[in-house]
Amino acid sequence: MTAFYAPLQQEALLHINGPDALAFLQGQTTCDTRKVDAGQATPGAYCTPKGRMVCDFLLLQLGPDHHALRMRRDILDHAAATFGKYIVFSKAEIETQRTDWQVIGCWGDELKDRLNRLGITSPGERYGVSAGEGYVLVQLDDAGTQYEAYIDMQQHAEHFAALEDALQAGTESAWQAQQIRAGIGRVEAATIEEFLPQMLNYDVTGHVSFNKGCYTGQEIVARLHYRGKAKRRMYLAGLNAAAPIPAGTSLYSPGSDQATGTVVNSSVDEHKCLCLVSATESGIASGLYPEGTDSLLILASLPYTLAEDGA
């Protein structure tokens, strides 16, 4: 069987309720929230005025006037406190303590067919949405082999039971490895306010809209896109190790005592550590090893091409 599911315990939802939710987020985040509706989700990020990212997220609609930002659990409270400073001026409110909606990762070559057997139609495109009573399904890739399912476990736990019957139980680390291979970097607690969006390739992965208008940090992000060059870009790498490398770990090149990169995310899959790293071109050319080790990372190809800075 090549169709798996795994509850994503390291993911959490920041719920935003109210008629002004999308308008509020439009003025605060890097994505164009006008595209979000019952059939479309979007990735995005929130930046400080200096362009450094507080959080990344996937924004989706769970119901009328009910939206959610899916992000790493370890940054949820910090992100909520940051958004909370400004949302008081909108007809919307933030909730972080809800336990009804849960996030489940689903992946595999046979996944689309198995979902169809459950009566769930594939959205058909990246960030497309299929929804029904008590569930929302978001497609994360072009091929239809990776989805996130959002299920109301208090009112409609039968949807999760159906996934259990139709799919094979996987692990969250295997799901994370899929996302790492896809080149989707995530902000974790150790890297809050460390990265500009371009340092995680967000100008390529669709997290940033360059024609939506103003938002917090927009001047810095746009200037770098049109007139500058990111000092660091994100790359895919591997290491023969049995444990993940903590996010925020500094990376060094042989013969240098100055860090030239940072671990963004990592996960272990099939006894190999996969990681995304944000590093300088010179660091990549010279080779990188994580602080505390002497093993060089082995670079691999991302599934997309990096944009030309300043284009």
C-alpha atoms as a PDB file:
ATOM      1  CA  MET A   1       0.000   0.000   0.000  1.00  0.00           C
ATOM      2  CA  THR A   2       1.296   3.469  -0.887  1.00  0.00           C
ATOM      3  CA  ALA A   3      -1.269   5.596   0.850  1.00  0.00           C
ATOM      4  CA  PHE A   4      -0.592   6.778   4.383  1.00  0.00           C
ATOM      5  CA  TYR A   5      -1.993   9.043   7.065  1.00  0.00           C
ATOM      6  CA  ALA A   6      -0.533  10.501  10.259  1.00  0.00           C
ATOM      7  CA  PRO A   7      -1.963  12.900  12.847  1.00  0.00           C
ATOM      8  CA  LEU A   8       0.342  15.934  12.867  1.00  0.00           C
ATOM      9  CA  GLN A   9       0.973  16.646  16.528  1.00  0.00           C
ATOM     10  CA  GLN A  10       3.603  19.294  15.798  1.00  0.00           C
ATOM     11  CA  GLU A  11       1.094  21.332  13.806  1.00  0.00           C
ATOM     12  CA  ALA A  12      -1.562  23.590  15.328  1.00  0.00           C
ATOM     13  CA  LEU A  13      -4.294  25.949  14.206  1.00  0.00           C
ATOM     14  CA  LEU A  14      -4.662  29.619  14.962  1.00  0.00           C
ATOM     15  CA  HIS A  15      -8.405  30.179  14.432  1.00  0.00           C
ATOM     16  CA  ILE A  16      -9.634  33.594  13.318  1.00  0.00           C
ATOM     17  CA  ASN A  17     -13.375  34.195  13.450  1.00  0.00           C
ATOM     18  CA  GLY A  18     -15.344  37.154  12.169  1.00  0.00           C
ATOM     19  CA  PRO A  19     -16.300  38.985   8.973  1.00  0.00           C
ATOM     20  CA  ASP A  20     -13.062  41.011   8.896  1.00  0.00           C
ATOM     21  CA  ALA A  21     -10.675  38.052   9.192  1.00  0.00           C
ATOM     22  CA  LEU A  22      -9.404  38.063   5.609  1.00  0.00           C
ATOM     23  CA  ALA A  23      -9.290  41.854   5.382  1.00  0.00           C
ATOM     24  CA  PHE A  24      -7.236  41.945   8.581  1.00  0.00           C
ATOM     25  CA  LEU A  25      -4.799  39.321   7.290  1.00  0.00           C
ATOM     26  CA  GLN A  26      -4.547  41.087   3.915  1.00  0.00           C
ATOM     27  CA  GLY A  27      -2.932  44.089   5.602  1.00  0.00           C
ATOM     28  CA  GLN A  28      -0.642  42.013   7.805  1.00  0.00           C
ATOM     29  CA  THR A  29       0.680  39.062   5.807  1.00  0.00           C
ATOM     30  CA  THR A  30       2.661  38.302   2.648  1.00  0.00           C
ATOM     31  CA  CYS A  31      -0.114  36.390   0.818  1.00  0.00           C
ATOM     32  CA  ASP A  32      -3.118  37.698  -1.104  1.00  0.00           C
ATOM     33  CA  THR A  33      -6.047  36.663   1.085  1.00  0.00           C
ATOM     34  CA  ARG A  34      -8.538  37.723  -1.603  1.00  0.00           C
ATOM     35  CA  LYS A  35      -7.824  34.344  -3.242  1.00  0.00           C
ATOM     36  CA  VAL A  36      -8.967  32.362  -0.194  1.00  0.00           C
ATOM     37  CA  ASP A  37     -12.458  30.875  -0.178  1.00  0.00           C
ATOM     38  CA  ALA A  38     -14.175  27.530   0.321  1.00  0.00           C
ATOM     39  CA  GLY A  39     -12.278  26.116  -2.660  1.00  0.00           C
ATOM     40  CA  GLN A  40      -8.843  27.684  -2.270  1.00  0.00           C
ATOM     41  CA  ALA A  41      -6.196  27.911   0.454  1.00  0.00           C
ATOM     42  CA  THR A  42      -2.895  29.783   0.332  1.00  0.00           C
ATOM     43  CA  PRO A  43       0.488  29.705   2.067  1.00  0.00           C
ATOM     44  CA  GLY A  44       1.878  32.868   3.570  1.00  0.00           C
ATOM     45  CA  ALA A  45       3.926  34.452   6.322  1.00  0.00           C
ATOM     46  CA  TYR A  46       3.815  37.292   8.799  1.00  0.00           C
ATOM     47  CA  CYS A  47       6.871  39.554   9.009  1.00  0.00           C
ATOM     48  CA  THR A  48       8.146  42.187  11.369  1.00  0.00           C
ATOM     49  CA  PRO A  49       8.511  45.725   9.970  1.00  0.00           C
ATOM     50  CA  LYS A  50      12.130  44.721   9.199  1.00  0.00           C
ATOM     51  CA  GLY A  51      10.920  41.823   7.055  1.00  0.00           C
ATOM     52  CA  ARG A  52      11.906  39.025   9.439  1.00  0.00           C
ATOM     53  CA  MET A  53       9.341  36.250   9.687  1.00  0.00           C
ATOM     54  CA  VAL A  54       7.432  35.622  12.903  1.00  0.00           C
ATOM     55  CA  CYS A  55       5.565  32.680  11.396  1.00  0.00           C
ATOM     56  CA  ASP A  56       4.695  30.883   8.202  1.00  0.00           C
ATOM     57  CA  PHE A  57       1.251  29.387   7.694  1.00  0.00           C
ATOM     58  CA  LEU A  58      -1.296  27.774   5.435  1.00  0.00           C
ATOM     59  CA  LEU A  59      -4.474  29.871   5.425  1.00  0.00           C
ATOM     60  CA  LEU A  60      -7.785  28.116   4.784  1.00  0.00           C
ATOM     61  CA  GLN A  61     -11.496  28.505   5.390  1.00  0.00           C
ATOM     62  CA  LEU A  62     -13.129  26.091   7.833  1.00  0.00           C
ATOM     63  CA  GLY A  63     -16.594  27.618   7.680  1.00  0.00           C
ATOM     64  CA  PRO A  64     -18.491  30.894   7.175  1.00  0.00           C
ATOM     65  CA  ASP A  65     -16.448  33.676   8.832  1.00  0.00           C
ATOM     66  CA  HIS A  66     -14.169  30.958  10.253  1.00  0.00           C
ATOM     67  CA  HIS A  67     -10.591  30.781   9.000  1.00  0.00           C
ATOM     68  CA  ALA A  68      -7.479  29.104  10.326  1.00  0.00           C
ATOM     69  CA  LEU A  69      -3.731  29.524  10.015  1.00  0.00           C
ATOM     70  CA  ARG A  70      -1.938  26.189  10.191  1.00  0.00           C
ATOM     71  CA  MET A  71       1.534  26.619  11.661  1.00  0.00           C
ATOM     72  CA  ARG A  72       4.062  24.832  13.834  1.00  0.00           C
ATOM     73  CA  ARG A  73       2.722  24.281  17.332  1.00  0.00           C
ATOM     74  CA  ASP A  74       5.833  25.675  19.022  1.00  0.00           C
ATOM     75  CA  ILE A  75       5.268  29.140  17.488  1.00  0.00           C
ATOM     76  CA  LEU A  76       1.490  29.313  17.923  1.00  0.00           C
ATOM     77  CA  ASP A  77       1.384  31.373  21.122  1.00  0.00           C
ATOM     78  CA  HIS A  78       4.011  33.835  19.899  1.00  0.00           C
ATOM     79  CA  ALA A  79       2.179  34.307  16.589  1.00  0.00           C
ATOM     80  CA  ALA A  80      -1.171  34.725  18.343  1.00  0.00           C
ATOM     81  CA  ALA A  81       0.266  37.385  20.647  1.00  0.00           C
ATOM     82  CA  THR A  82       1.745  39.239  17.675  1.00  0.00           C
ATOM     83  CA  PHE A  83      -1.473  39.184  15.630  1.00  0.00           C
ATOM     84  CA  GLY A  84      -3.431  40.035  18.764  1.00  0.00           C
ATOM     85  CA  LYS A  85      -1.800  43.456  19.009  1.00  0.00           C
ATOM     86  CA  TYR A  86      -3.570  44.568  15.834  1.00  0.00           C
ATOM     87  CA  ILE A  87      -6.702  42.482  15.432  1.00  0.00           C
ATOM     88  CA  VAL A  88      -8.466  44.441  18.179  1.00  0.00           C
ATOM     89  CA  PHE A  89      -9.275  47.064  15.545  1.00  0.00           C
ATOM     90  CA  SER A  90     -11.125  44.531  13.332  1.00  0.00           C
ATOM     91  CA  LYS A  91     -14.382  42.625  13.558  1.00  0.00           C
ATOM     92  CA  ALA A  92     -12.498  39.404  14.154  1.00  0.00           C
ATOM     93  CA  GLU A  93     -11.028  37.470  17.048  1.00  0.00           C
ATOM     94  CA  ILE A  94      -8.278  34.910  17.569  1.00  0.00           C
ATOM     95  CA  GLU A  95      -8.654  31.515  19.218  1.00  0.00           C
ATOM     96  CA  THR A  96      -5.738  29.211  20.034  1.00  0.00           C
ATOM     97  CA  GLN A  97      -7.228  26.793  22.573  1.00  0.00           C
ATOM     98  CA  ARG A  98      -9.767  25.003  20.373  1.00  0.00           C
ATOM     99  CA  THR A  99      -9.295  21.250  20.288  1.00  0.00           C
ATOM    100  CA  ASP A 100     -12.062  20.308  17.865  1.00  0.00           C
ATOM    101  CA  TRP A 101     -10.259  20.648  14.522  1.00  0.00           C
ATOM    102  CA  GLN A 102      -7.216  18.421  14.018  1.00  0.00           C
ATOM    103  CA  VAL A 103      -4.608  18.291  11.247  1.00  0.00           C
ATOM    104  CA  ILE A 104      -3.804  14.986   9.531  1.00  0.00           C
ATOM    105  CA  GLY A 105      -1.171  14.483   6.854  1.00  0.00           C
ATOM    106  CA  CYS A 106      -2.048  12.121   3.984  1.00  0.00           C
ATOM    107  CA  TRP A 107       0.343  11.015   1.253  1.00  0.00           C
ATOM    108  CA  GLY A 108       1.123   8.326  -1.288  1.00  0.00           C
ATOM    109  CA  ASP A 109       0.811   7.363  -4.948  1.00  0.00           C
ATOM    110  CA  GLU A 110      -2.529   5.610  -4.375  1.00  0.00           C
ATOM    111  CA  LEU A 111      -3.946   8.311  -2.138  1.00  0.00           C
ATOM    112  CA  LYS A 112      -6.172  10.034  -4.685  1.00  0.00           C
ATOM    113  CA  ASP A 113      -7.906   6.772  -5.644  1.00  0.00           C
ATOM    114  CA  ARG A 114      -8.475   5.780  -2.030  1.00  0.00           C
ATOM    115  CA  LEU A 115      -9.954   9.173  -1.205  1.00  0.00           C
ATOM    116  CA  ASN A 116     -12.253   8.890  -4.199  1.00  0.00           C
ATOM    117  CA  ARG A 117     -13.512   5.576  -2.835  1.00  0.00           C
ATOM    118  CA  LEU A 118     -14.458   7.431   0.339  1.00  0.00           C
ATOM    119  CA  GLY A 119     -16.478   9.891  -1.721  1.00  0.00           C
ATOM    120  CA  ILE A 120     -13.882  12.647  -1.352  1.00  0.00           C
ATOM    121  CA  THR A 121     -13.050  14.381  -4.616  1.00  0.00           C
ATOM    122  CA  SER A 122      -9.473  15.525  -5.091  1.00  0.00           C
ATOM    123  CA  PRO A 123      -9.183  19.329  -5.363  1.00  0.00           C
ATOM    124  CA  GLY A 124      -7.118  18.870  -8.516  1.00  0.00           C
ATOM    125  CA  GLU A 125      -4.504  21.580  -8.000  1.00  0.00           C
ATOM    126  CA  ARG A 126      -1.934  22.761  -5.489  1.00  0.00           C
ATOM    127  CA  TYR A 127      -3.673  24.516  -2.563  1.00  0.00           C
ATOM    128  CA  GLY A 128      -7.060  23.597  -3.957  1.00  0.00           C
ATOM    129  CA  VAL A 129      -9.677  22.601  -1.362  1.00  0.00           C
ATOM    130  CA  SER A 130     -12.389  19.964  -1.132  1.00  0.00           C
ATOM    131  CA  ALA A 131     -14.730  20.233   1.846  1.00  0.00           C
ATOM    132  CA  GLY A 132     -17.756  18.600   3.405  1.00  0.00           C
ATOM    133  CA  GLU A 133     -19.577  18.559   6.718  1.00  0.00           C
ATOM    134  CA  GLY A 134     -16.854  18.472   9.355  1.00  0.00           C
ATOM    135  CA  TYR A 135     -13.793  18.179   7.114  1.00  0.00           C
ATOM    136  CA  VAL A 136     -11.579  20.186   4.779  1.00  0.00           C
ATOM    137  CA  LEU A 137      -8.983  18.654   2.449  1.00  0.00           C
ATOM    138  CA  VAL A 138      -6.137  20.765   1.008  1.00  0.00           C
ATOM    139  CA  GLN A 139      -3.911  19.493  -1.802  1.00  0.00           C
ATOM    140  CA  LEU A 140      -0.264  20.438  -1.246  1.00  0.00           C
ATOM    141  CA  ASP A 141       1.367  19.331  -4.499  1.00  0.00           C
ATOM    142  CA  ASP A 142       0.661  19.348  -8.218  1.00  0.00           C
ATOM    143  CA  ALA A 143       0.491  15.566  -8.585  1.00  0.00           C
ATOM    144  CA  GLY A 144      -2.142  14.928  -5.916  1.00  0.00           C
ATOM    145  CA  THR A 145       0.037  12.753  -3.691  1.00  0.00           C
ATOM    146  CA  GLN A 146       0.144  15.024  -0.614  1.00  0.00           C
ATOM    147  CA  TYR A 147      -2.816  16.444   1.285  1.00  0.00           C
ATOM    148  CA  GLU A 148      -3.623  17.895   4.670  1.00  0.00           C
ATOM    149  CA  ALA A 149      -6.980  16.863   6.103  1.00  0.00           C
ATOM    150  CA  TYR A 150      -8.647  19.070   8.702  1.00  0.00           C
ATOM    151  CA  ILE A 151     -11.285  17.180  10.683  1.00  0.00           C
ATOM    152  CA  ASP A 152     -13.716  18.301  13.368  1.00  0.00           C
ATOM    153  CA  MET A 153     -12.958  15.462  15.771  1.00  0.00           C
ATOM    154  CA  GLN A 154     -15.646  16.453  18.258  1.00  0.00           C
ATOM    155  CA  GLN A 155     -18.589  16.485  15.853  1.00  0.00           C
ATOM    156  CA  HIS A 156     -17.391  14.366  12.928  1.00  0.00           C
ATOM    157  CA  ALA A 157     -14.801  11.868  14.136  1.00  0.00           C
ATOM    158  CA  GLU A 158     -16.227   9.385  11.626  1.00  0.00           C
ATOM    159  CA  HIS A 159     -14.115  11.056   8.942  1.00  0.00           C
ATOM    160  CA  PHE A 160     -10.941  10.148  10.813  1.00  0.00           C
ATOM    161  CA  ALA A 161     -12.202   6.597  11.298  1.00  0.00           C
ATOM    162  CA  ALA A 162     -12.722   6.381   7.537  1.00  0.00           C
ATOM    163  CA  LEU A 163      -9.118   7.461   6.925  1.00  0.00           C
ATOM    164  CA  GLU A 164      -7.911   4.827   9.384  1.00  0.00           C
ATOM    165  CA  ASP A 165      -9.787   2.145   7.454  1.00  0.00           C
ATOM    166  CA  ALA A 166      -8.704   3.304   3.998  1.00  0.00           C
ATOM    167  CA  LEU A 167      -5.074   4.254   4.579  1.00  0.00           C
ATOM    168  CA  GLN A 168      -2.026   2.784   6.275  1.00  0.00           C
ATOM    169  CA  ALA A 169      -0.765   4.426   9.448  1.00  0.00           C
ATOM    170  CA  GLY A 170       2.390   6.429   8.844  1.00  0.00           C
ATOM    171  CA  THR A 171       4.556   8.641  11.042  1.00  0.00           C
ATOM    172  CA  GLU A 172       4.749  12.383  11.404  1.00  0.00           C
ATOM    173  CA  SER A 173       8.485  12.261  10.703  1.00  0.00           C
ATOM    174  CA  ALA A 174       7.792  10.564   7.347  1.00  0.00           C
ATOM    175  CA  TRP A 175       5.278  13.307   6.530  1.00  0.00           C
ATOM    176  CA  GLN A 176       7.811  15.976   7.466  1.00  0.00           C
ATOM    177  CA  ALA A 177      10.367  14.309   5.211  1.00  0.00           C
ATOM    178  CA  GLN A 178       7.896  14.613   2.325  1.00  0.00           C
ATOM    179  CA  GLN A 179       7.587  18.344   2.943  1.00  0.00           C
ATOM    180  CA  ILE A 180      11.339  18.748   3.217  1.00  0.00           C
ATOM    181  CA  ARG A 181      11.838  16.984  -0.126  1.00  0.00           C
ATOM    182  CA  ALA A 182       9.243  19.368  -1.567  1.00  0.00           C
ATOM    183  CA  GLY A 183      11.420  22.285  -0.464  1.00  0.00           C
ATOM    184  CA  ILE A 184       8.825  23.875   1.835  1.00  0.00           C
ATOM    185  CA  GLY A 185      10.680  25.511   4.713  1.00  0.00           C
ATOM    186  CA  ARG A 186       8.933  26.205   8.010  1.00  0.00           C
ATOM    187  CA  VAL A 187       9.519  28.695  10.816  1.00  0.00           C
ATOM    188  CA  GLU A 188      10.105  26.974  14.154  1.00  0.00           C
ATOM    189  CA  ALA A 189      10.513  28.412  17.649  1.00  0.00           C
ATOM    190  CA  ALA A 190      14.306  28.519  17.315  1.00  0.00           C
ATOM    191  CA  THR A 191      14.135  30.592  14.128  1.00  0.00           C
ATOM    192  CA  ILE A 192      11.421  33.152  14.887  1.00  0.00           C
ATOM    193  CA  GLU A 193      12.442  36.522  13.362  1.00  0.00           C
ATOM    194  CA  GLU A 194      15.600  35.056  11.829  1.00  0.00           C
ATOM    195  CA  PHE A 195      14.695  34.676   8.167  1.00  0.00           C
ATOM    196  CA  LEU A 196      13.549  37.022   5.440  1.00  0.00           C
ATOM    197  CA  PRO A 197      11.019  35.260   3.164  1.00  0.00           C
ATOM    198  CA  GLN A 198      13.567  34.929   0.343  1.00  0.00           C
ATOM    199  CA  MET A 199      15.913  33.050   2.682  1.00  0.00           C
ATOM    200  CA  LEU A 200      13.343  30.224   2.674  1.00  0.00           C
ATOM    201  CA  ASN A 201      12.597  30.624  -1.065  1.00  0.00           C
ATOM    202  CA  TYR A 202       9.107  31.921  -0.316  1.00  0.00           C
ATOM    203  CA  ASP A 203       9.231  34.114  -3.389  1.00  0.00           C
ATOM    204  CA  VAL A 204       9.310  30.865  -5.406  1.00  0.00           C
ATOM    205  CA  THR A 205       6.969  28.641  -3.368  1.00  0.00           C
ATOM    206  CA  GLY A 206       3.993  31.033  -3.516  1.00  0.00           C
ATOM    207  CA  HIS A 207       4.120  32.345   0.050  1.00  0.00           C
ATOM    208  CA  VAL A 208       4.611  35.951  -1.114  1.00  0.00           C
ATOM    209  CA  SER A 209       2.436  38.033  -3.430  1.00  0.00           C
ATOM    210  CA  PHE A 210       4.296  40.924  -5.045  1.00  0.00           C
ATOM    211  CA  ASN A 211       1.198  42.653  -6.412  1.00  0.00           C
ATOM    212  CA  LYS A 212      -1.221  42.582  -3.457  1.00  0.00           C
ATOM    213  CA  GLY A 213      -0.293  45.951  -1.967  1.00  0.00           C
ATOM    214  CA  CYS A 214       1.040  46.915   1.430  1.00  0.00           C
ATOM    215  CA  TYR A 215       1.524  44.632   4.438  1.00  0.00           C
ATOM    216  CA  THR A 216       3.821  44.604   7.438  1.00  0.00           C
ATOM    217  CA  GLY A 217       7.425  44.273   6.218  1.00  0.00           C
ATOM    218  CA  GLN A 218       6.413  44.694   2.556  1.00  0.00           C
ATOM    219  CA  GLU A 219       8.908  47.457   1.811  1.00  0.00           C
ATOM    220  CA  ILE A 220      11.889  45.306   2.831  1.00  0.00           C
ATOM    221  CA  VAL A 221      10.634  42.158   1.102  1.00  0.00           C
ATOM    222  CA  ALA A 222       9.745  43.951  -2.138  1.00  0.00           C
ATOM    223  CA  ARG A 223      12.999  45.929  -2.276  1.00  0.00           C
ATOM    224  CA  LEU A 224      15.007  42.719  -1.952  1.00  0.00           C
ATOM    225  CA  HIS A 225      12.931  41.098  -4.684  1.00  0.00           C
ATOM    226  CA  TYR A 226      13.203  43.911  -7.219  1.00  0.00           C
ATOM    227  CA  ARG A 227      16.518  45.575  -6.421  1.00  0.00           C
ATOM    228  CA  GLY A 228      18.605  43.315  -4.233  1.00  0.00           C
ATOM    229  CA  LYS A 229      19.895  39.788  -3.780  1.00  0.00           C
ATOM    230  CA  ALA A 230      19.225  37.534  -0.821  1.00  0.00           C
ATOM    231  CA  LYS A 231      22.416  36.833   1.132  1.00  0.00           C
ATOM    232  CA  ARG A 232      21.117  33.340   1.807  1.00  0.00           C
ATOM    233  CA  ARG A 233      18.900  30.894  -0.045  1.00  0.00           C
ATOM    234  CA  MET A 234      17.396  27.581   1.041  1.00  0.00           C
ATOM    235  CA  TYR A 235      18.778  24.236  -0.114  1.00  0.00           C
ATOM    236  CA  LEU A 236      17.954  20.555   0.360  1.00  0.00           C
ATOM    237  CA  ALA A 237      20.582  18.376   2.008  1.00  0.00           C
ATOM    238  CA  GLY A 238      21.063  15.029   3.697  1.00  0.00           C
ATOM    239  CA  LEU A 239      23.257  13.491   6.355  1.00  0.00           C
ATOM    240  CA  ASN A 240      23.837   9.913   7.461  1.00  0.00           C
ATOM    241  CA  ALA A 241      22.459  10.362  10.958  1.00  0.00           C
ATOM    242  CA  ALA A 242      19.836   8.640  13.084  1.00  0.00           C
ATOM    243  CA  ALA A 243      18.448  11.831  14.637  1.00  0.00           C
ATOM    244  CA  PRO A 244      17.209  15.133  13.208  1.00  0.00           C
ATOM    245  CA  ILE A 245      19.354  18.244  13.449  1.00  0.00           C
ATOM    246  CA  PRO A 246      17.633  20.900  15.592  1.00  0.00           C
ATOM    247  CA  ALA A 247      16.267  23.909  13.743  1.00  0.00           C
ATOM    248  CA  GLY A 248      18.491  26.923  14.241  1.00  0.00           C
ATOM    249  CA  THR A 249      21.726  24.901  14.343  1.00  0.00           C
ATOM    250  CA  SER A 250      24.543  26.912  12.801  1.00  0.00           C
ATOM    251  CA  LEU A 251      26.372  25.569   9.756  1.00  0.00           C
ATOM    252  CA  TYR A 252      30.055  26.113   9.010  1.00  0.00           C
ATOM    253  CA  SER A 253      32.393  25.570   6.089  1.00  0.00           C
ATOM    254  CA  PRO A 254      35.727  23.769   6.517  1.00  0.00           C
ATOM    255  CA  GLY A 255      38.463  26.112   7.674  1.00  0.00           C
ATOM    256  CA  SER A 256      36.042  28.890   8.692  1.00  0.00           C
ATOM    257  CA  ASP A 257      34.886  29.878  12.152  1.00  0.00           C
ATOM    258  CA  GLN A 258      32.066  32.087  10.826  1.00  0.00           C
ATOM    259  CA  ALA A 259      28.645  30.535  10.309  1.00  0.00           C
ATOM    260  CA  THR A 260      27.541  30.526   6.686  1.00  0.00           C
ATOM    261  CA  GLY A 261      24.198  28.813   7.123  1.00  0.00           C
ATOM    262  CA  THR A 262      21.405  27.686   9.447  1.00  0.00           C
ATOM    263  CA  VAL A 263      19.327  24.523   9.653  1.00  0.00           C
ATOM    264  CA  VAL A 264      15.709  25.380   8.834  1.00  0.00           C
ATOM    265  CA  ASN A 265      13.993  22.005   9.370  1.00  0.00           C
ATOM    266  CA  SER A 266      15.040  18.369   9.490  1.00  0.00           C
ATOM    267  CA  SER A 267      13.518  14.923   9.816  1.00  0.00           C
ATOM    268  CA  VAL A 268      14.709  11.329   9.745  1.00  0.00           C
ATOM    269  CA  ASP A 269      13.300   9.006   7.095  1.00  0.00           C
ATOM    270  CA  GLU A 270      14.621   5.544   6.274  1.00  0.00           C
ATOM    271  CA  HIS A 271      17.594   6.022   8.626  1.00  0.00           C
ATOM    272  CA  LYS A 272      18.750   9.191   6.894  1.00  0.00           C
ATOM    273  CA  CYS A 273      18.472  12.749   8.106  1.00  0.00           C
ATOM    274  CA  LEU A 274      16.947  15.090   5.537  1.00  0.00           C
ATOM    275  CA  CYS A 275      17.144  18.811   6.111  1.00  0.00           C
ATOM    276  CA  LEU A 276      16.516  22.204   4.612  1.00  0.00           C
ATOM    277  CA  VAL A 277      19.277  24.721   5.177  1.00  0.00           C
ATOM    278  CA  SER A 278      19.469  28.437   4.536  1.00  0.00           C
ATOM    279  CA  ALA A 279      23.005  29.292   3.469  1.00  0.00           C
ATOM    280  CA  THR A 280      25.224  31.605   1.477  1.00  0.00           C
ATOM    281  CA  GLU A 281      26.395  30.723  -2.025  1.00  0.00           C
ATOM    282  CA  SER A 282      30.000  30.586  -0.810  1.00  0.00           C
ATOM    283  CA  GLY A 283      29.012  28.258   2.020  1.00  0.00           C
ATOM    284  CA  ILE A 284      27.261  25.919  -0.396  1.00  0.00           C
ATOM    285  CA  ALA A 285      30.284  25.969  -2.713  1.00  0.00           C
ATOM    286  CA  SER A 286      32.722  25.217   0.129  1.00  0.00           C
ATOM    287  CA  GLY A 287      30.604  22.606   1.876  1.00  0.00           C
ATOM    288  CA  LEU A 288      28.673  22.781   5.138  1.00  0.00           C
ATOM    289  CA  TYR A 289      28.724  20.839   8.369  1.00  0.00           C
ATOM    290  CA  PRO A 290      26.424  21.302  11.390  1.00  0.00           C
ATOM    291  CA  GLU A 291      27.877  22.800  14.535  1.00  0.00           C
ATOM    292  CA  GLY A 292      29.091  20.041  16.852  1.00  0.00           C
ATOM    293  CA  THR A 293      29.856  17.563  14.053  1.00  0.00           C
ATOM    294  CA  ASP A 294      32.489  17.115  11.379  1.00  0.00           C
ATOM    295  CA  SER A 295      30.215  15.459   8.802  1.00  0.00           C
ATOM    296  CA  LEU A 296      29.585  17.445   5.635  1.00  0.00           C
ATOM    297  CA  LEU A 297      26.022  17.737   4.399  1.00  0.00           C
ATOM    298  CA  ILE A 298      25.263  16.101   1.067  1.00  0.00           C
ATOM    299  CA  LEU A 299      23.357  18.484  -1.193  1.00  0.00           C
ATOM    300  CA  ALA A 300      20.375  17.337  -3.241  1.00  0.00           C
ATOM    301  CA  SER A 301      18.206  19.023  -5.868  1.00  0.00           C
ATOM    302  CA  LEU A 302      15.114  20.998  -4.978  1.00  0.00           C
ATOM    303  CA  PRO A 303      11.978  20.298  -7.043  1.00  0.00           C
ATOM    304  CA  TYR A 304      11.863  23.908  -8.230  1.00  0.00           C
ATOM    305  CA  THR A 305      14.219  26.488  -9.682  1.00  0.00           C
ATOM    306  CA  LEU A 306      15.281  29.479  -7.623  1.00  0.00           C
ATOM    307  CA  ALA A 307      14.314  32.872  -8.985  1.00  0.00           C
ATOM    308  CA  GLU A 308      16.911  35.328 -10.182  1.00  0.00           C
ATOM    309  CA  ASP A 309      17.258  37.954  -7.462  1.00  0.00           C
ATOM    310  CA  GLY A 310      16.651  41.485  -8.573  1.00  0.00           C
ATOM    311  CA  ALA A 311      14.792  40.381 -11.675  1.00  0.00           C
END
